[in-house]
Each structure stands twice: as structure tokens, then as C-alpha cells.
Amino acid sequence: MAVTTAIQTSEPIYFDFALLRKAFLYFAGAMTVMAPFSRDPLVVLACGIVPWILVFLVDRPRMPAIVVDYLLFV
């Protein structure tokens, strides 16, 4: 008697880019509010906007999650 089992391959993990764009837009807004109170306001403003721009550029259909991790944290 042979026992066969079906091995299911897991689907790759994909980010919800709409949620990421919205979260980084709120982060950019918070950095815009904090920028006038910092020592170098242009750097604070740029660091708040860059993650939103990166997610906006990488937002493609079926983009794997590792691309966003790599671009934001390296």
C-alpha cells in the first residue's frame, strides 16, 4: 500500500504597497512637522520623503517583499 501526499508550495509574500505608501506618506508628514525644530531641517525633510519615493518607484505588480526590505534598510 502506497501513501501519497501532495506537497503544497507556499506562495511568495507580497507587500500591500497601498498601505506602505500611505504609512510612509504619514511618516513624511510627521517629518515635515518636525523639520523646523531640528538642527538641519532639509536633511530631516529629505529623510522623511525618501522612503515614500522608494516605495512609489518599486510599486510594481508581483514585486517580492525583499526588494522593499533591501532598498529601505541597506
PDB file of N, CA and C in Angstrom:
ATOM      1  N   MET A   1       0.846  -1.168   0.000  1.00  0.00           N
ATOM      2  CA  MET A   1       0.000   0.000   0.000  1.00  0.00           C
ATOM      3  C   MET A   1       0.898   1.239   0.000  1.00  0.00           C
ATOM      4  N   ALA A   2       0.704   2.071  -0.978  1.00  0.00           N
ATOM      5  CA  ALA A   2       1.500   3.290  -1.097  1.00  0.00           C
ATOM      6  C   ALA A   2       0.679   4.482  -0.647  1.00  0.00           C
ATOM      7  N   VAL A   3       1.322   5.340   0.100  1.00  0.00           N
ATOM      8  CA  VAL A   3       0.663   6.545   0.590  1.00  0.00           C
ATOM      9  C   VAL A   3       1.272   7.734  -0.160  1.00  0.00           C
ATOM     10  N   THR A   4       0.429   8.469  -0.794  1.00  0.00           N
ATOM     11  CA  THR A   4       0.909   9.663  -1.497  1.00  0.00           C
ATOM     12  C   THR A   4       0.353  10.903  -0.813  1.00  0.00           C
ATOM     13  N   THR A   5       1.193  11.881  -0.707  1.00  0.00           N
ATOM     14  CA  THR A   5       0.751  13.153  -0.136  1.00  0.00           C
ATOM     15  C   THR A   5       1.100  14.267  -1.116  1.00  0.00           C
ATOM     16  N   ALA A   6       0.264  15.217  -1.155  1.00  0.00           N
ATOM     17  CA  ALA A   6       0.508  16.368  -2.023  1.00  0.00           C
ATOM     18  C   ALA A   6       1.300  17.408  -1.236  1.00  0.00           C
ATOM     19  N   ILE A   7       2.406  17.798  -1.776  1.00  0.00           N
ATOM     20  CA  ILE A   7       3.220  18.823  -1.137  1.00  0.00           C
ATOM     21  C   ILE A   7       2.819  20.164  -1.737  1.00  0.00           C
ATOM     22  N   GLN A   8       2.384  21.020  -0.857  1.00  0.00           N
ATOM     23  CA  GLN A   8       1.950  22.341  -1.312  1.00  0.00           C
ATOM     24  C   GLN A   8       3.119  23.310  -1.199  1.00  0.00           C
ATOM     25  N   THR A   9       3.383  23.979  -2.260  1.00  0.00           N
ATOM     26  CA  THR A   9       4.421  25.001  -2.202  1.00  0.00           C
ATOM     27  C   THR A   9       3.789  26.294  -1.722  1.00  0.00           C
ATOM     28  N   SER A  10       4.507  26.981  -0.880  1.00  0.00           N
ATOM     29  CA  SER A  10       3.958  28.226  -0.349  1.00  0.00           C
ATOM     30  C   SER A  10       4.142  29.348  -1.366  1.00  0.00           C
ATOM     31  N   GLU A  11       3.195  30.216  -1.390  1.00  0.00           N
ATOM     32  CA  GLU A  11       3.239  31.366  -2.280  1.00  0.00           C
ATOM     33  C   GLU A  11       4.217  32.392  -1.707  1.00  0.00           C
ATOM     34  N   PRO A  12       4.904  33.137  -2.550  1.00  0.00           N
ATOM     35  CA  PRO A  12       5.784  34.189  -2.033  1.00  0.00           C
ATOM     36  C   PRO A  12       4.984  35.275  -1.328  1.00  0.00           C
ATOM     37  N   ILE A  13       5.627  35.956  -0.430  1.00  0.00           N
ATOM     38  CA  ILE A  13       4.967  37.012   0.336  1.00  0.00           C
ATOM     39  C   ILE A  13       5.058  38.315  -0.460  1.00  0.00           C
ATOM     40  N   TYR A  14       3.926  38.970  -0.619  1.00  0.00           N
ATOM     41  CA  TYR A  14       3.877  40.254  -1.308  1.00  0.00           C
ATOM     42  C   TYR A  14       3.367  41.317  -0.348  1.00  0.00           C
ATOM     43  N   PHE A  15       3.956  42.499  -0.421  1.00  0.00           N
ATOM     44  CA  PHE A  15       3.512  43.610   0.404  1.00  0.00           C
ATOM     45  C   PHE A  15       2.262  44.246  -0.184  1.00  0.00           C
ATOM     46  N   ASP A  16       1.500  44.861   0.671  1.00  0.00           N
ATOM     47  CA  ASP A  16       0.396  45.704   0.248  1.00  0.00           C
ATOM     48  C   ASP A  16       0.987  47.108   0.057  1.00  0.00           C
ATOM     49  N   PHE A  17       1.321  47.430  -1.174  1.00  0.00           N
ATOM     50  CA  PHE A  17       2.019  48.681  -1.434  1.00  0.00           C
ATOM     51  C   PHE A  17       1.151  49.903  -1.161  1.00  0.00           C
ATOM     52  N   ALA A  18      -0.147  49.786  -1.248  1.00  0.00           N
ATOM     53  CA  ALA A  18      -1.016  50.925  -0.929  1.00  0.00           C
ATOM     54  C   ALA A  18      -0.883  51.283   0.549  1.00  0.00           C
ATOM     55  N   LEU A  19      -0.823  50.272   1.404  1.00  0.00           N
ATOM     56  CA  LEU A  19      -0.650  50.521   2.832  1.00  0.00           C
ATOM     57  C   LEU A  19       0.734  51.104   3.115  1.00  0.00           C
ATOM     58  N   LEU A  20       1.761  50.591   2.448  1.00  0.00           N
ATOM     59  CA  LEU A  20       3.105  51.132   2.652  1.00  0.00           C
ATOM     60  C   LEU A  20       3.208  52.577   2.188  1.00  0.00           C
ATOM     61  N   ARG A  21       2.619  52.876   1.034  1.00  0.00           N
ATOM     62  CA  ARG A  21       2.649  54.255   0.547  1.00  0.00           C
ATOM     63  C   ARG A  21       1.953  55.196   1.521  1.00  0.00           C
ATOM     64  N   LYS A  22       0.809  54.775   2.047  1.00  0.00           N
ATOM     65  CA  LYS A  22       0.074  55.608   2.991  1.00  0.00           C
ATOM     66  C   LYS A  22       0.860  55.787   4.292  1.00  0.00           C
ATOM     67  N   ALA A  23       1.475  54.719   4.787  1.00  0.00           N
ATOM     68  CA  ALA A  23       2.247  54.808   6.031  1.00  0.00           C
ATOM     69  C   ALA A  23       3.447  55.732   5.861  1.00  0.00           C
ATOM     70  N   PHE A  24       4.163  55.605   4.735  1.00  0.00           N
ATOM     71  CA  PHE A  24       5.324  56.465   4.524  1.00  0.00           C
ATOM     72  C   PHE A  24       4.922  57.897   4.206  1.00  0.00           C
ATOM     73  N   LEU A  25       3.733  58.106   3.680  1.00  0.00           N
ATOM     74  CA  LEU A  25       3.252  59.467   3.480  1.00  0.00           C
ATOM     75  C   LEU A  25       2.969  60.135   4.825  1.00  0.00           C
ATOM     76  N   TYR A  26       2.391  59.383   5.765  1.00  0.00           N
ATOM     77  CA  TYR A  26       2.191  59.912   7.122  1.00  0.00           C
ATOM     78  C   TYR A  26       3.533  60.183   7.805  1.00  0.00           C
ATOM     79  N   PHE A  27       4.504  59.295   7.579  1.00  0.00           N
ATOM     80  CA  PHE A  27       5.837  59.494   8.134  1.00  0.00           C
ATOM     81  C   PHE A  27       6.471  60.763   7.556  1.00  0.00           C
ATOM     82  N   ALA A  28       6.313  60.980   6.251  1.00  0.00           N
ATOM     83  CA  ALA A  28       6.841  62.194   5.620  1.00  0.00           C
ATOM     84  C   ALA A  28       6.155  63.431   6.191  1.00  0.00           C
ATOM     85  N   GLY A  29       4.863  63.325   6.447  1.00  0.00           N
ATOM     86  CA  GLY A  29       4.150  64.449   7.065  1.00  0.00           C
ATOM     87  C   GLY A  29       4.652  64.748   8.468  1.00  0.00           C
ATOM     88  N   ALA A  30       4.918  63.708   9.240  1.00  0.00           N
ATOM     89  CA  ALA A  30       5.450  63.905  10.588  1.00  0.00           C
ATOM     90  C   ALA A  30       6.848  64.522  10.543  1.00  0.00           C
ATOM     91  N   MET A  31       7.655  64.094   9.593  1.00  0.00           N
ATOM     92  CA  MET A  31       8.992  64.668   9.463  1.00  0.00           C
ATOM     93  C   MET A  31       8.926  66.123   8.982  1.00  0.00           C
ATOM     94  N   THR A  32       7.913  66.454   8.184  1.00  0.00           N
ATOM     95  CA  THR A  32       7.735  67.834   7.739  1.00  0.00           C
ATOM     96  C   THR A  32       7.387  68.738   8.922  1.00  0.00           C
ATOM     97  N   VAL A  33       6.574  68.211   9.832  1.00  0.00           N
ATOM     98  CA  VAL A  33       6.222  68.986  11.022  1.00  0.00           C
ATOM     99  C   VAL A  33       7.430  69.132  11.948  1.00  0.00           C
ATOM    100  N   MET A  34       8.256  68.099  12.052  1.00  0.00           N
ATOM    101  CA  MET A  34       9.409  68.130  12.951  1.00  0.00           C
ATOM    102  C   MET A  34      10.613  68.873  12.367  1.00  0.00           C
ATOM    103  N   ALA A  35      10.667  69.041  11.053  1.00  0.00           N
ATOM    104  CA  ALA A  35      11.844  69.618  10.398  1.00  0.00           C
ATOM    105  C   ALA A  35      12.200  71.026  10.889  1.00  0.00           C
ATOM    106  N   PRO A  36      11.252  71.943  11.076  1.00  0.00           N
ATOM    107  CA  PRO A  36      11.656  73.288  11.520  1.00  0.00           C
ATOM    108  C   PRO A  36      12.307  73.315  12.899  1.00  0.00           C
ATOM    109  N   PHE A  37      12.084  72.292  13.699  1.00  0.00           N
ATOM    110  CA  PHE A  37      12.626  72.267  15.055  1.00  0.00           C
ATOM    111  C   PHE A  37      13.964  71.530  15.145  1.00  0.00           C
ATOM    112  N   SER A  38      14.459  71.030  14.030  1.00  0.00           N
ATOM    113  CA  SER A  38      15.712  70.278  14.061  1.00  0.00           C
ATOM    114  C   SER A  38      16.880  71.174  13.692  1.00  0.00           C
ATOM    115  N   ARG A  39      18.075  70.648  13.873  1.00  0.00           N
ATOM    116  CA  ARG A  39      19.276  71.416  13.566  1.00  0.00           C
ATOM    117  C   ARG A  39      19.474  71.579  12.060  1.00  0.00           C
ATOM    118  N   ASP A  40      19.135  70.540  11.279  1.00  0.00           N
ATOM    119  CA  ASP A  40      19.278  70.591   9.819  1.00  0.00           C
ATOM    120  C   ASP A  40      17.940  70.198   9.186  1.00  0.00           C
ATOM    121  N   PRO A  41      17.056  71.148   8.960  1.00  0.00           N
ATOM    122  CA  PRO A  41      15.701  70.822   8.505  1.00  0.00           C
ATOM    123  C   PRO A  41      15.622  70.166   7.137  1.00  0.00           C
ATOM    124  N   LEU A  42      16.525  70.507   6.221  1.00  0.00           N
ATOM    125  CA  LEU A  42      16.459  69.901   4.892  1.00  0.00           C
ATOM    126  C   LEU A  42      16.776  68.413   4.925  1.00  0.00           C
ATOM    127  N   VAL A  43      17.714  68.018   5.765  1.00  0.00           N
ATOM    128  CA  VAL A  43      18.049  66.597   5.883  1.00  0.00           C
ATOM    129  C   VAL A  43      16.892  65.825   6.498  1.00  0.00           C
ATOM    130  N   VAL A  44      16.265  66.381   7.509  1.00  0.00           N
ATOM    131  CA  VAL A  44      15.116  65.720   8.137  1.00  0.00           C
ATOM    132  C   VAL A  44      13.973  65.588   7.137  1.00  0.00           C
ATOM    133  N   LEU A  45      13.725  66.617   6.364  1.00  0.00           N
ATOM    134  CA  LEU A  45      12.676  66.573   5.353  1.00  0.00           C
ATOM    135  C   LEU A  45      12.990  65.538   4.276  1.00  0.00           C
ATOM    136  N   ALA A  46      14.232  65.508   3.816  1.00  0.00           N
ATOM    137  CA  ALA A  46      14.626  64.533   2.789  1.00  0.00           C
ATOM    138  C   ALA A  46      14.535  63.103   3.317  1.00  0.00           C
ATOM    139  N   CYS A  47      14.965  62.892   4.552  1.00  0.00           N
ATOM    140  CA  CYS A  47      14.897  61.534   5.131  1.00  0.00           C
ATOM    141  C   CYS A  47      13.462  61.097   5.368  1.00  0.00           C
ATOM    142  N   GLY A  48      12.553  62.015   5.501  1.00  0.00           N
ATOM    143  CA  GLY A  48      11.154  61.650   5.643  1.00  0.00           C
ATOM    144  C   GLY A  48      10.492  61.325   4.315  1.00  0.00           C
ATOM    145  N   ILE A  49      10.957  61.935   3.236  1.00  0.00           N
ATOM    146  CA  ILE A  49      10.327  61.752   1.932  1.00  0.00           C
ATOM    147  C   ILE A  49      10.913  60.583   1.146  1.00  0.00           C
ATOM    148  N   VAL A  50      12.185  60.261   1.351  1.00  0.00           N
ATOM    149  CA  VAL A  50      12.851  59.216   0.564  1.00  0.00           C
ATOM    150  C   VAL A  50      12.164  57.845   0.664  1.00  0.00           C
ATOM    151  N   PRO A  51      11.738  57.359   1.845  1.00  0.00           N
ATOM    152  CA  PRO A  51      11.055  56.058   1.852  1.00  0.00           C
ATOM    153  C   PRO A  51       9.780  56.042   1.013  1.00  0.00           C
ATOM    154  N   TRP A  52       9.025  57.132   1.029  1.00  0.00           N
ATOM    155  CA  TRP A  52       7.804  57.198   0.223  1.00  0.00           C
ATOM    156  C   TRP A  52       8.140  57.153  -1.258  1.00  0.00           C
ATOM    157  N   ILE A  53       9.197  57.851  -1.656  1.00  0.00           N
ATOM    158  CA  ILE A  53       9.612  57.837  -3.064  1.00  0.00           C
ATOM    159  C   ILE A  53      10.072  56.449  -3.482  1.00  0.00           C
ATOM    160  N   LEU A  54      10.832  55.768  -2.621  1.00  0.00           N
ATOM    161  CA  LEU A  54      11.298  54.416  -2.946  1.00  0.00           C
ATOM    162  C   LEU A  54      10.137  53.447  -3.135  1.00  0.00           C
ATOM    163  N   VAL A  55       9.167  53.500  -2.247  1.00  0.00           N
ATOM    164  CA  VAL A  55       8.011  52.610  -2.379  1.00  0.00           C
ATOM    165  C   VAL A  55       7.203  52.979  -3.614  1.00  0.00           C
ATOM    166  N   PHE A  56       7.099  54.248  -3.929  1.00  0.00           N
ATOM    167  CA  PHE A  56       6.382  54.677  -5.123  1.00  0.00           C
ATOM    168  C   PHE A  56       7.054  54.151  -6.390  1.00  0.00           C
ATOM    169  N   LEU A  57       8.398  54.143  -6.413  1.00  0.00           N
ATOM    170  CA  LEU A  57       9.130  53.658  -7.579  1.00  0.00           C
ATOM    171  C   LEU A  57       9.102  52.133  -7.707  1.00  0.00           C
ATOM    172  N   VAL A  58       9.094  51.435  -6.601  1.00  0.00           N
ATOM    173  CA  VAL A  58       9.176  49.974  -6.615  1.00  0.00           C
ATOM    174  C   VAL A  58       7.799  49.332  -6.764  1.00  0.00           C
ATOM    175  N   ASP A  59       6.750  50.095  -6.612  1.00  0.00           N
ATOM    176  CA  ASP A  59       5.383  49.549  -6.653  1.00  0.00           C
ATOM    177  C   ASP A  59       5.066  49.013  -8.045  1.00  0.00           C
ATOM    178  N   ARG A  60       5.312  47.742  -8.241  1.00  0.00           N
ATOM    179  CA  ARG A  60       5.029  47.048  -9.493  1.00  0.00           C
ATOM    180  C   ARG A  60       4.237  45.794  -9.182  1.00  0.00           C
ATOM    181  N   PRO A  61       3.460  45.302 -10.123  1.00  0.00           N
ATOM    182  CA  PRO A  61       2.708  44.074  -9.866  1.00  0.00           C
ATOM    183  C   PRO A  61       3.646  42.905  -9.558  1.00  0.00           C
ATOM    184  N   ARG A  62       3.301  42.154  -8.544  1.00  0.00           N
ATOM    185  CA  ARG A  62       4.000  40.938  -8.122  1.00  0.00           C
ATOM    186  C   ARG A  62       5.453  41.192  -7.720  1.00  0.00           C
ATOM    187  N   MET A  63       5.698  42.352  -7.126  1.00  0.00           N
ATOM    188  CA  MET A  63       7.044  42.666  -6.650  1.00  0.00           C
ATOM    189  C   MET A  63       7.272  41.933  -5.333  1.00  0.00           C
ATOM    190  N   PRO A  64       8.370  41.182  -5.223  1.00  0.00           N
ATOM    191  CA  PRO A  64       8.616  40.456  -3.977  1.00  0.00           C
ATOM    192  C   PRO A  64       8.935  41.407  -2.819  1.00  0.00           C
ATOM    193  N   ALA A  65       8.673  40.960  -1.618  1.00  0.00           N
ATOM    194  CA  ALA A  65       8.834  41.790  -0.431  1.00  0.00           C
ATOM    195  C   ALA A  65      10.293  42.131  -0.162  1.00  0.00           C
ATOM    196  N   ILE A  66      11.213  41.296  -0.575  1.00  0.00           N
ATOM    197  CA  ILE A  66      12.617  41.511  -0.254  1.00  0.00           C
ATOM    198  C   ILE A  66      13.167  42.771  -0.920  1.00  0.00           C
ATOM    199  N   VAL A  67      12.594  43.199  -2.021  1.00  0.00           N
ATOM    200  CA  VAL A  67      13.082  44.397  -2.707  1.00  0.00           C
ATOM    201  C   VAL A  67      12.873  45.625  -1.838  1.00  0.00           C
ATOM    202  N   VAL A  68      11.719  45.752  -1.221  1.00  0.00           N
ATOM    203  CA  VAL A  68      11.449  46.896  -0.362  1.00  0.00           C
ATOM    204  C   VAL A  68      12.340  46.827   0.876  1.00  0.00           C
ATOM    205  N   ASP A  69      12.498  45.647   1.471  1.00  0.00           N
ATOM    206  CA  ASP A  69      13.383  45.494   2.614  1.00  0.00           C
ATOM    207  C   ASP A  69      14.798  45.918   2.268  1.00  0.00           C
ATOM    208  N   TYR A  70      15.279  45.477   1.131  1.00  0.00           N
ATOM    209  CA  TYR A  70      16.642  45.801   0.714  1.00  0.00           C
ATOM    210  C   TYR A  70      16.821  47.297   0.491  1.00  0.00           C
ATOM    211  N   LEU A  71      15.891  47.929  -0.197  1.00  0.00           N
ATOM    212  CA  LEU A  71      16.039  49.359  -0.512  1.00  0.00           C
ATOM    213  C   LEU A  71      15.883  50.248   0.711  1.00  0.00           C
ATOM    214  N   LEU A  72      15.046  49.855   1.654  1.00  0.00           N
ATOM    215  CA  LEU A  72      14.816  50.710   2.809  1.00  0.00           C
ATOM    216  C   LEU A  72      15.848  50.521   3.917  1.00  0.00           C
ATOM    217  N   PHE A  73      16.398  49.339   4.049  1.00  0.00           N
ATOM    218  CA  PHE A  73      17.240  49.066   5.205  1.00  0.00           C
ATOM    219  C   PHE A  73      18.704  48.833   4.871  1.00  0.00           C
ATOM    220  N   VAL A  74      19.116  49.006   3.630  1.00  0.00           N
ATOM    221  CA  VAL A  74      20.536  48.852   3.299  1.00  0.00           C
ATOM    222  C   VAL A  74      21.125  50.180   2.943  1.00  0.00           C
TER     223      VAL A  74
END
